[in-house]
Amino acid sequence: MDLSRYAALPDAMPLADVWQCISDILDLAESGDCTDEREVAEALNEMADRQWHTYERLEVGLRGRIDAWIERVWDSSDHELVELIVGIVGRIGLPRSLELLKSSLAVKMEPETRRYVEEAIDEFGETVDDPYAGMR
């Protein structure tokens, strides 16, 4: 399944459309119709950026579904996937996934990936659940 179409969507979208796109991506990932985790992560990252630009918190149910997906696919040995997931965590505001990032530091990972995760944890700090905290 080609999820690259999400990158071509307008930067500014109505909130309901953003939420529907996120739900559609998760539906595909959860159904097994799209098993390429990076492709799903790229699509979710695109929509997380559009979500962030709505200046509204993502609906709780969708946040939970994204957390669950991240828990299923997390692979600290895949730097590209880690970068995409960190972007999603920060833009959506996912404290549960931030805890996963923190716990991943206990396992062996490439130094570049470790630095990236550590910097993300420092940047998100205690306000990860509010991606707009730095704007107030």
C-alpha atoms as a PDB file:
ATOM      1  CA  MET A   1       0.000   0.000   0.000  1.00  0.00           C
ATOM      2  CA  ASP A   2       1.466   3.353  -1.027  1.00  0.00           C
ATOM      3  CA  LEU A   3       1.143   5.881   1.774  1.00  0.00           C
ATOM      4  CA  SER A   4       3.243   8.549   0.043  1.00  0.00           C
ATOM      5  CA  ARG A   5       0.082  10.453  -0.920  1.00  0.00           C
ATOM      6  CA  TYR A   6      -0.020  11.903   2.594  1.00  0.00           C
ATOM      7  CA  ALA A   7       3.146  13.891   1.871  1.00  0.00           C
ATOM      8  CA  ALA A   8       1.347  15.611  -1.015  1.00  0.00           C
ATOM      9  CA  LEU A   9      -1.545  16.866   1.113  1.00  0.00           C
ATOM     10  CA  PRO A  10      -1.742  20.591   1.854  1.00  0.00           C
ATOM     11  CA  ASP A  11       0.171  21.825   4.901  1.00  0.00           C
ATOM     12  CA  ALA A  12      -2.991  23.386   6.337  1.00  0.00           C
ATOM     13  CA  MET A  13      -6.007  21.118   6.598  1.00  0.00           C
ATOM     14  CA  PRO A  14      -9.248  21.127   8.578  1.00  0.00           C
ATOM     15  CA  LEU A  15      -8.851  19.338  11.904  1.00  0.00           C
ATOM     16  CA  ALA A  16     -11.465  16.685  11.053  1.00  0.00           C
ATOM     17  CA  ASP A  17      -9.618  15.828   7.834  1.00  0.00           C
ATOM     18  CA  VAL A  18      -6.303  15.484   9.660  1.00  0.00           C
ATOM     19  CA  TRP A  19      -7.879  13.184  12.228  1.00  0.00           C
ATOM     20  CA  GLN A  20      -9.518  11.107   9.495  1.00  0.00           C
ATOM     21  CA  CYS A  21      -6.206  10.699   7.661  1.00  0.00           C
ATOM     22  CA  ILE A  22      -4.471   9.613  10.870  1.00  0.00           C
ATOM     23  CA  SER A  23      -7.261   7.131  11.548  1.00  0.00           C
ATOM     24  CA  ASP A  24      -7.043   5.788   7.983  1.00  0.00           C
ATOM     25  CA  ILE A  25      -3.277   5.253   8.297  1.00  0.00           C
ATOM     26  CA  LEU A  26      -3.723   3.459  11.611  1.00  0.00           C
ATOM     27  CA  ASP A  27      -6.533   1.331  10.144  1.00  0.00           C
ATOM     28  CA  LEU A  28      -4.142   0.127   7.441  1.00  0.00           C
ATOM     29  CA  ALA A  29      -1.343  -0.558   9.909  1.00  0.00           C
ATOM     30  CA  GLU A  30      -3.635  -2.377  12.332  1.00  0.00           C
ATOM     31  CA  SER A  31      -5.274  -4.486   9.626  1.00  0.00           C
ATOM     32  CA  GLY A  32      -1.955  -5.749   8.326  1.00  0.00           C
ATOM     33  CA  ASP A  33      -2.634  -4.284   4.876  1.00  0.00           C
ATOM     34  CA  CYS A  34       0.546  -2.215   5.228  1.00  0.00           C
ATOM     35  CA  THR A  35       3.426  -3.968   6.935  1.00  0.00           C
ATOM     36  CA  ASP A  36       6.180  -1.492   6.059  1.00  0.00           C
ATOM     37  CA  GLU A  37       6.686   0.252   9.405  1.00  0.00           C
ATOM     38  CA  ARG A  38       8.785   3.019   7.886  1.00  0.00           C
ATOM     39  CA  GLU A  39       6.111   3.786   5.316  1.00  0.00           C
ATOM     40  CA  VAL A  40       3.480   3.988   8.062  1.00  0.00           C
ATOM     41  CA  ALA A  41       5.821   6.104  10.196  1.00  0.00           C
ATOM     42  CA  GLU A  42       6.469   8.483   7.295  1.00  0.00           C
ATOM     43  CA  ALA A  43       2.731   8.907   6.698  1.00  0.00           C
ATOM     44  CA  LEU A  44       2.018   9.390  10.412  1.00  0.00           C
ATOM     45  CA  ASN A  45       4.894  11.866  10.652  1.00  0.00           C
ATOM     46  CA  GLU A  46       3.428  13.869   7.754  1.00  0.00           C
ATOM     47  CA  MET A  47       0.033  13.934   9.422  1.00  0.00           C
ATOM     48  CA  ALA A  48       1.548  14.677  12.846  1.00  0.00           C
ATOM     49  CA  ASP A  49       3.051  17.807  11.311  1.00  0.00           C
ATOM     50  CA  ARG A  50      -0.324  18.853   9.937  1.00  0.00           C
ATOM     51  CA  GLN A  51      -1.932  18.022  13.287  1.00  0.00           C
ATOM     52  CA  TRP A  52       0.620  20.184  15.107  1.00  0.00           C
ATOM     53  CA  HIS A  53      -0.245  23.098  12.827  1.00  0.00           C
ATOM     54  CA  THR A  54      -3.917  22.941  13.850  1.00  0.00           C
ATOM     55  CA  TYR A  55      -2.891  24.056  17.371  1.00  0.00           C
ATOM     56  CA  GLU A  56      -5.364  21.536  18.803  1.00  0.00           C
ATOM     57  CA  ARG A  57      -4.566  18.406  20.795  1.00  0.00           C
ATOM     58  CA  LEU A  58      -5.145  15.164  18.958  1.00  0.00           C
ATOM     59  CA  GLU A  59      -8.193  13.218  20.103  1.00  0.00           C
ATOM     60  CA  VAL A  60      -7.369  10.845  22.992  1.00  0.00           C
ATOM     61  CA  GLY A  61      -8.421   7.672  21.174  1.00  0.00           C
ATOM     62  CA  LEU A  62      -6.126   8.409  18.242  1.00  0.00           C
ATOM     63  CA  ARG A  63      -3.247   9.185  20.601  1.00  0.00           C
ATOM     64  CA  GLY A  64      -3.767   5.790  22.231  1.00  0.00           C
ATOM     65  CA  ARG A  65      -3.789   4.035  18.878  1.00  0.00           C
ATOM     66  CA  ILE A  66      -0.557   5.777  17.857  1.00  0.00           C
ATOM     67  CA  ASP A  67       1.056   4.826  21.188  1.00  0.00           C
ATOM     68  CA  ALA A  68       0.014   1.200  20.660  1.00  0.00           C
ATOM     69  CA  TRP A  69       1.406   1.208  17.107  1.00  0.00           C
ATOM     70  CA  ILE A  70       4.703   2.709  18.304  1.00  0.00           C
ATOM     71  CA  GLU A  71       4.983   0.049  21.008  1.00  0.00           C
ATOM     72  CA  ARG A  72       4.462  -2.678  18.385  1.00  0.00           C
ATOM     73  CA  VAL A  73       7.012  -1.418  15.859  1.00  0.00           C
ATOM     74  CA  TRP A  74       9.689   0.245  18.020  1.00  0.00           C
ATOM     75  CA  ASP A  75      13.132  -0.877  16.877  1.00  0.00           C
ATOM     76  CA  SER A  76      16.014   1.108  18.319  1.00  0.00           C
ATOM     77  CA  SER A  77      18.373  -0.494  15.772  1.00  0.00           C
ATOM     78  CA  ASP A  78      16.553   1.285  12.903  1.00  0.00           C
ATOM     79  CA  HIS A  79      17.756   4.897  13.075  1.00  0.00           C
ATOM     80  CA  GLU A  80      15.428   6.146  10.339  1.00  0.00           C
ATOM     81  CA  LEU A  81      12.395   4.644  12.086  1.00  0.00           C
ATOM     82  CA  VAL A  82      13.560   6.123  15.396  1.00  0.00           C
ATOM     83  CA  GLU A  83      13.808   9.601  13.841  1.00  0.00           C
ATOM     84  CA  LEU A  84      10.299   9.338  12.407  1.00  0.00           C
ATOM     85  CA  ILE A  85       8.825   8.093  15.676  1.00  0.00           C
ATOM     86  CA  VAL A  86      10.547  10.832  17.688  1.00  0.00           C
ATOM     87  CA  GLY A  87       8.951  13.386  15.350  1.00  0.00           C
ATOM     88  CA  ILE A  88       5.533  11.834  15.873  1.00  0.00           C
ATOM     89  CA  VAL A  89       5.958  11.731  19.666  1.00  0.00           C
ATOM     90  CA  GLY A  90       6.936  15.397  19.800  1.00  0.00           C
ATOM     91  CA  ARG A  91       4.329  16.779  17.408  1.00  0.00           C
ATOM     92  CA  ILE A  92       1.404  14.754  18.764  1.00  0.00           C
ATOM     93  CA  GLY A  93       2.449  14.843  22.423  1.00  0.00           C
ATOM     94  CA  LEU A  94       2.680  11.213  23.522  1.00  0.00           C
ATOM     95  CA  PRO A  95       3.885  10.745  27.120  1.00  0.00           C
ATOM     96  CA  ARG A  96       3.419   6.956  26.958  1.00  0.00           C
ATOM     97  CA  SER A  97       5.678   6.729  23.905  1.00  0.00           C
ATOM     98  CA  LEU A  98       8.185   9.071  25.541  1.00  0.00           C
ATOM     99  CA  GLU A  99       8.464   6.519  28.354  1.00  0.00           C
ATOM    100  CA  LEU A 100       9.237   3.896  25.711  1.00  0.00           C
ATOM    101  CA  LEU A 101      12.006   6.144  24.349  1.00  0.00           C
ATOM    102  CA  LYS A 102      13.418   6.510  27.851  1.00  0.00           C
ATOM    103  CA  SER A 103      13.330   2.780  28.544  1.00  0.00           C
ATOM    104  CA  SER A 104      15.023   2.053  25.220  1.00  0.00           C
ATOM    105  CA  LEU A 105      18.166   3.733  26.530  1.00  0.00           C
ATOM    106  CA  ALA A 106      18.694   0.662  28.726  1.00  0.00           C
ATOM    107  CA  VAL A 107      19.454  -1.471  25.667  1.00  0.00           C
ATOM    108  CA  LYS A 108      22.420  -1.334  23.333  1.00  0.00           C
ATOM    109  CA  MET A 109      21.973   1.020  20.388  1.00  0.00           C
ATOM    110  CA  GLU A 110      24.156   2.848  17.922  1.00  0.00           C
ATOM    111  CA  PRO A 111      25.770   5.976  19.424  1.00  0.00           C
ATOM    112  CA  GLU A 112      24.109   8.277  16.851  1.00  0.00           C
ATOM    113  CA  THR A 113      20.678   6.854  17.617  1.00  0.00           C
ATOM    114  CA  ARG A 114      21.298   7.026  21.378  1.00  0.00           C
ATOM    115  CA  ARG A 115      22.263  10.715  21.090  1.00  0.00           C
ATOM    116  CA  TYR A 116      19.167  11.415  19.011  1.00  0.00           C
ATOM    117  CA  VAL A 117      16.868   9.757  21.569  1.00  0.00           C
ATOM    118  CA  GLU A 118      18.611  11.473  24.497  1.00  0.00           C
ATOM    119  CA  GLU A 119      18.304  14.881  22.817  1.00  0.00           C
ATOM    120  CA  ALA A 120      14.620  14.259  22.120  1.00  0.00           C
ATOM    121  CA  ILE A 121      13.988  13.298  25.748  1.00  0.00           C
ATOM    122  CA  ASP A 122      15.749  16.472  26.913  1.00  0.00           C
ATOM    123  CA  GLU A 123      13.843  18.624  24.421  1.00  0.00           C
ATOM    124  CA  PHE A 124      10.423  17.181  25.256  1.00  0.00           C
ATOM    125  CA  GLY A 125      11.078  17.361  28.982  1.00  0.00           C
ATOM    126  CA  GLU A 126       8.082  17.297  31.263  1.00  0.00           C
ATOM    127  CA  THR A 127       5.789  18.972  28.724  1.00  0.00           C
ATOM    128  CA  VAL A 128       5.645  16.290  26.031  1.00  0.00           C
ATOM    129  CA  ASP A 129       1.907  15.901  26.622  1.00  0.00           C
ATOM    130  CA  ASP A 130       1.449  19.514  25.484  1.00  0.00           C
ATOM    131  CA  PRO A 131       3.252  20.027  22.162  1.00  0.00           C
ATOM    132  CA  TYR A 132       2.375  23.747  22.322  1.00  0.00           C
ATOM    133  CA  ALA A 133       3.883  24.411  25.769  1.00  0.00           C
ATOM    134  CA  GLY A 134       6.885  26.278  24.369  1.00  0.00           C
ATOM    135  CA  MET A 135       4.625  28.685  22.505  1.00  0.00           C
ATOM    136  CA  ARG A 136       2.895  30.082  25.575  1.00  0.00           C
END
